[in-house]
């Protein structure tokens, strides 16, 4: 992301999802979703909806795994994202 290779980062994230899905450690899912979200947020504004989907996925996975710290971190990031998008009602 820091080098500006967002598409390459997203491709790597998809590879990580594939590895974890085929027998990897399930607790990695929330973190992978967080990385995906950050990459999507680094893209132009039209990817904001895709980033919100990644937030939702990260929250769902964190809840399913009972990973409270990941859930809290994602919730705070989502609140900041909504603040930055002027979505104060959410």
N, C-alpha and C. Protein backbone atom coordinates (compact mmCIF):
# COMPACT_ATOMS: atom_id res chain seq x y z
N UNK A 1 0.84 -1.18 0.00
CA UNK A 1 0.00 0.00 0.00
C UNK A 1 0.89 1.24 0.00
N UNK A 2 1.93 1.24 0.80
CA UNK A 2 2.81 2.41 0.88
C UNK A 2 3.52 2.67 -0.43
N UNK A 3 3.75 1.64 -1.22
CA UNK A 3 4.43 1.83 -2.50
C UNK A 3 3.45 2.16 -3.62
N UNK A 4 2.15 2.17 -3.29
CA UNK A 4 1.15 2.51 -4.29
C UNK A 4 0.66 1.35 -5.13
N UNK A 5 1.07 0.14 -4.80
CA UNK A 5 0.66 -1.05 -5.56
C UNK A 5 -0.60 -1.66 -4.95
N UNK A 6 -1.69 -0.91 -5.00
CA UNK A 6 -2.94 -1.34 -4.37
C UNK A 6 -3.48 -2.61 -5.01
N UNK A 7 -3.48 -2.66 -6.34
CA UNK A 7 -4.01 -3.86 -7.02
C UNK A 7 -3.19 -5.10 -6.69
N UNK A 8 -1.88 -4.94 -6.61
CA UNK A 8 -1.02 -6.07 -6.25
C UNK A 8 -1.30 -6.51 -4.81
N UNK A 9 -1.52 -5.55 -3.94
CA UNK A 9 -1.87 -5.86 -2.55
C UNK A 9 -3.18 -6.61 -2.46
N UNK A 10 -4.17 -6.17 -3.23
CA UNK A 10 -5.47 -6.85 -3.22
C UNK A 10 -5.35 -8.27 -3.76
N UNK A 11 -4.51 -8.47 -4.77
CA UNK A 11 -4.29 -9.82 -5.30
C UNK A 11 -3.65 -10.71 -4.23
N UNK A 12 -2.72 -10.15 -3.48
CA UNK A 12 -2.07 -10.91 -2.41
C UNK A 12 -3.07 -11.26 -1.31
N UNK A 13 -3.97 -10.33 -1.02
CA UNK A 13 -5.02 -10.59 -0.02
C UNK A 13 -5.90 -11.75 -0.47
N UNK A 14 -6.26 -11.76 -1.74
CA UNK A 14 -7.09 -12.87 -2.25
C UNK A 14 -6.35 -14.19 -2.14
N UNK A 15 -5.03 -14.19 -2.38
CA UNK A 15 -4.23 -15.40 -2.20
C UNK A 15 -4.25 -15.84 -0.74
N UNK A 16 -4.15 -14.88 0.17
CA UNK A 16 -4.19 -15.20 1.60
C UNK A 16 -5.52 -15.82 1.98
N UNK A 17 -6.61 -15.27 1.44
CA UNK A 17 -7.93 -15.85 1.71
C UNK A 17 -7.97 -17.31 1.24
N UNK A 18 -7.41 -17.57 0.06
CA UNK A 18 -7.41 -18.93 -0.48
C UNK A 18 -6.62 -19.89 0.42
N UNK A 19 -5.47 -19.44 0.90
CA UNK A 19 -4.64 -20.28 1.76
C UNK A 19 -5.37 -20.58 3.07
N UNK A 20 -5.94 -19.57 3.68
CA UNK A 20 -6.63 -19.76 4.97
C UNK A 20 -7.88 -20.61 4.78
N UNK A 21 -8.56 -20.45 3.65
CA UNK A 21 -9.78 -21.22 3.39
C UNK A 21 -9.51 -22.70 3.21
N UNK A 22 -8.30 -23.04 2.78
CA UNK A 22 -7.98 -24.45 2.52
C UNK A 22 -7.17 -25.06 3.66
N UNK A 23 -7.52 -24.69 4.87
CA UNK A 23 -6.91 -25.35 6.02
C UNK A 23 -5.99 -24.48 6.84
N UNK A 24 -5.93 -23.20 6.52
CA UNK A 24 -5.11 -22.31 7.32
C UNK A 24 -5.78 -21.96 8.63
N UNK A 25 -5.14 -21.14 9.39
CA UNK A 25 -5.65 -20.73 10.69
C UNK A 25 -6.80 -19.75 10.52
N UNK A 26 -7.96 -20.12 11.01
CA UNK A 26 -9.16 -19.31 10.86
C UNK A 26 -9.05 -17.95 11.55
N UNK A 27 -8.24 -17.86 12.61
CA UNK A 27 -8.14 -16.60 13.33
C UNK A 27 -7.49 -15.50 12.47
N UNK A 28 -6.89 -15.88 11.34
CA UNK A 28 -6.28 -14.89 10.44
C UNK A 28 -7.31 -14.14 9.60
N UNK A 29 -8.50 -14.72 9.44
CA UNK A 29 -9.52 -14.10 8.59
C UNK A 29 -9.82 -12.65 8.94
N UNK A 30 -10.06 -12.30 10.20
CA UNK A 30 -10.36 -10.90 10.50
C UNK A 30 -9.23 -9.96 10.09
N UNK A 31 -7.99 -10.37 10.32
CA UNK A 31 -6.86 -9.51 9.98
C UNK A 31 -6.73 -9.35 8.46
N UNK A 32 -6.99 -10.41 7.73
CA UNK A 32 -6.93 -10.32 6.27
C UNK A 32 -8.01 -9.37 5.77
N UNK A 33 -9.20 -9.45 6.37
CA UNK A 33 -10.27 -8.52 5.99
C UNK A 33 -9.87 -7.08 6.31
N UNK A 34 -9.18 -6.87 7.43
CA UNK A 34 -8.73 -5.53 7.78
C UNK A 34 -7.73 -4.99 6.77
N UNK A 35 -6.83 -5.83 6.35
CA UNK A 35 -5.84 -5.42 5.34
C UNK A 35 -6.55 -5.09 4.03
N UNK A 36 -7.51 -5.93 3.64
CA UNK A 36 -8.28 -5.67 2.42
C UNK A 36 -8.99 -4.33 2.51
N UNK A 37 -9.60 -4.10 3.66
CA UNK A 37 -10.32 -2.84 3.87
C UNK A 37 -9.39 -1.64 3.71
N UNK A 38 -8.21 -1.71 4.31
CA UNK A 38 -7.27 -0.60 4.22
C UNK A 38 -6.82 -0.37 2.79
N UNK A 39 -6.61 -1.44 2.05
CA UNK A 39 -6.24 -1.31 0.64
C UNK A 39 -7.37 -0.67 -0.16
N UNK A 40 -8.60 -1.10 0.10
CA UNK A 40 -9.74 -0.51 -0.62
C UNK A 40 -9.92 0.96 -0.27
N UNK A 41 -9.66 1.32 0.97
CA UNK A 41 -9.79 2.72 1.36
C UNK A 41 -8.69 3.59 0.75
N UNK A 42 -7.60 2.97 0.36
CA UNK A 42 -6.51 3.72 -0.27
C UNK A 42 -6.80 4.01 -1.75
N UNK A 43 -7.82 3.39 -2.27
CA UNK A 43 -8.23 3.63 -3.66
C UNK A 43 -9.14 4.84 -3.73
N UNK A 44 -9.51 5.24 -4.94
CA UNK A 44 -10.41 6.39 -5.09
C UNK A 44 -11.74 6.19 -4.36
N UNK A 45 -12.48 7.26 -4.20
CA UNK A 45 -13.72 7.27 -3.40
C UNK A 45 -14.76 6.25 -3.86
N UNK A 46 -14.77 5.89 -5.12
CA UNK A 46 -15.80 4.97 -5.58
C UNK A 46 -15.68 3.59 -4.95
N UNK A 47 -14.55 3.29 -4.30
CA UNK A 47 -14.38 2.00 -3.65
C UNK A 47 -14.83 2.02 -2.19
N UNK A 48 -15.44 3.12 -1.77
CA UNK A 48 -15.91 3.24 -0.40
C UNK A 48 -16.92 2.14 -0.06
N UNK A 49 -17.81 1.83 -1.00
CA UNK A 49 -18.80 0.78 -0.76
C UNK A 49 -18.13 -0.58 -0.58
N UNK A 50 -17.13 -0.86 -1.39
CA UNK A 50 -16.40 -2.13 -1.27
C UNK A 50 -15.68 -2.19 0.07
N UNK A 51 -15.17 -1.07 0.53
CA UNK A 51 -14.50 -1.04 1.84
C UNK A 51 -15.50 -1.32 2.95
N UNK A 52 -16.71 -0.77 2.83
CA UNK A 52 -17.73 -1.02 3.86
C UNK A 52 -18.12 -2.49 3.88
N UNK A 53 -18.14 -3.14 2.73
CA UNK A 53 -18.41 -4.59 2.68
C UNK A 53 -17.29 -5.33 3.43
N UNK A 54 -16.05 -4.88 3.23
CA UNK A 54 -14.92 -5.52 3.93
C UNK A 54 -15.03 -5.31 5.44
N UNK A 55 -15.50 -4.11 5.86
CA UNK A 55 -15.75 -3.88 7.29
C UNK A 55 -16.77 -4.89 7.81
N UNK A 56 -17.88 -5.04 7.09
CA UNK A 56 -18.94 -5.96 7.52
C UNK A 56 -18.43 -7.40 7.61
N UNK A 57 -17.62 -7.80 6.61
CA UNK A 57 -17.08 -9.16 6.62
C UNK A 57 -16.15 -9.36 7.81
N UNK A 58 -15.30 -8.37 8.06
CA UNK A 58 -14.37 -8.47 9.19
C UNK A 58 -15.13 -8.56 10.51
N UNK A 59 -16.19 -7.78 10.65
CA UNK A 59 -17.00 -7.83 11.88
C UNK A 59 -17.66 -9.19 12.03
N UNK A 60 -18.24 -9.70 10.95
CA UNK A 60 -18.92 -11.01 11.00
C UNK A 60 -17.96 -12.13 11.39
N UNK A 61 -16.80 -12.13 10.76
CA UNK A 61 -15.82 -13.18 11.05
C UNK A 61 -15.31 -13.05 12.47
N UNK A 62 -15.04 -11.82 12.91
CA UNK A 62 -14.56 -11.61 14.28
C UNK A 62 -15.57 -12.09 15.30
N UNK A 63 -16.84 -11.81 15.04
CA UNK A 63 -17.90 -12.26 15.95
C UNK A 63 -17.99 -13.78 15.96
N UNK A 64 -17.92 -14.39 14.79
CA UNK A 64 -18.03 -15.84 14.70
C UNK A 64 -16.88 -16.52 15.43
N UNK A 65 -15.70 -15.91 15.37
CA UNK A 65 -14.52 -16.49 16.04
C UNK A 65 -14.39 -16.02 17.48
N UNK A 66 -15.31 -15.17 17.91
CA UNK A 66 -15.28 -14.58 19.24
C UNK A 66 -13.95 -13.87 19.50
N UNK A 67 -13.47 -13.18 18.47
CA UNK A 67 -12.23 -12.42 18.55
C UNK A 67 -12.58 -10.98 18.91
N UNK A 68 -12.79 -10.75 20.19
CA UNK A 68 -13.30 -9.46 20.66
C UNK A 68 -12.37 -8.29 20.32
N UNK A 69 -11.06 -8.48 20.42
CA UNK A 69 -10.15 -7.37 20.13
C UNK A 69 -10.21 -6.99 18.65
N UNK A 70 -10.32 -7.98 17.78
CA UNK A 70 -10.44 -7.70 16.34
C UNK A 70 -11.78 -7.03 16.05
N UNK A 71 -12.83 -7.48 16.72
CA UNK A 71 -14.15 -6.88 16.53
C UNK A 71 -14.13 -5.42 16.97
N UNK A 72 -13.53 -5.15 18.10
CA UNK A 72 -13.45 -3.77 18.59
C UNK A 72 -12.64 -2.90 17.66
N UNK A 73 -11.51 -3.39 17.23
CA UNK A 73 -10.65 -2.62 16.30
C UNK A 73 -11.38 -2.31 15.01
N UNK A 74 -12.09 -3.28 14.48
CA UNK A 74 -12.84 -3.07 13.24
C UNK A 74 -13.98 -2.09 13.46
N UNK A 75 -14.66 -2.20 14.58
CA UNK A 75 -15.77 -1.28 14.87
C UNK A 75 -15.28 0.16 14.97
N UNK A 76 -14.15 0.36 15.62
CA UNK A 76 -13.59 1.71 15.74
C UNK A 76 -13.17 2.23 14.36
N UNK A 77 -12.57 1.38 13.56
CA UNK A 77 -12.17 1.79 12.20
C UNK A 77 -13.39 2.14 11.36
N UNK A 78 -14.45 1.36 11.50
CA UNK A 78 -15.68 1.64 10.76
C UNK A 78 -16.27 2.98 11.20
N UNK A 79 -16.28 3.24 12.49
CA UNK A 79 -16.80 4.52 12.99
C UNK A 79 -15.98 5.68 12.44
N UNK A 80 -14.67 5.53 12.38
CA UNK A 80 -13.81 6.58 11.81
C UNK A 80 -14.10 6.77 10.32
N UNK A 81 -14.29 5.66 9.63
CA UNK A 81 -14.60 5.73 8.20
C UNK A 81 -15.90 6.49 7.99
N UNK A 82 -16.94 6.15 8.76
CA UNK A 82 -18.22 6.86 8.64
C UNK A 82 -18.05 8.34 8.97
N UNK A 83 -17.25 8.64 9.99
CA UNK A 83 -16.99 10.04 10.34
C UNK A 83 -16.36 10.77 9.15
N UNK A 84 -15.36 10.14 8.53
CA UNK A 84 -14.67 10.75 7.39
C UNK A 84 -15.59 10.90 6.18
N UNK A 85 -16.61 10.04 6.10
CA UNK A 85 -17.57 10.08 4.99
C UNK A 85 -18.78 10.95 5.33
N UNK A 86 -18.74 11.61 6.48
CA UNK A 86 -19.85 12.44 6.98
C UNK A 86 -21.13 11.64 7.16
N UNK A 87 -21.00 10.39 7.54
CA UNK A 87 -22.15 9.53 7.82
C UNK A 87 -22.35 9.47 9.32
N UNK A 88 -22.66 10.61 9.91
CA UNK A 88 -22.74 10.72 11.36
C UNK A 88 -23.91 9.95 11.95
N UNK A 89 -24.98 9.78 11.21
CA UNK A 89 -26.13 9.04 11.73
C UNK A 89 -25.80 7.57 11.95
N UNK A 90 -24.99 7.00 11.07
CA UNK A 90 -24.61 5.59 11.22
C UNK A 90 -23.83 5.42 12.50
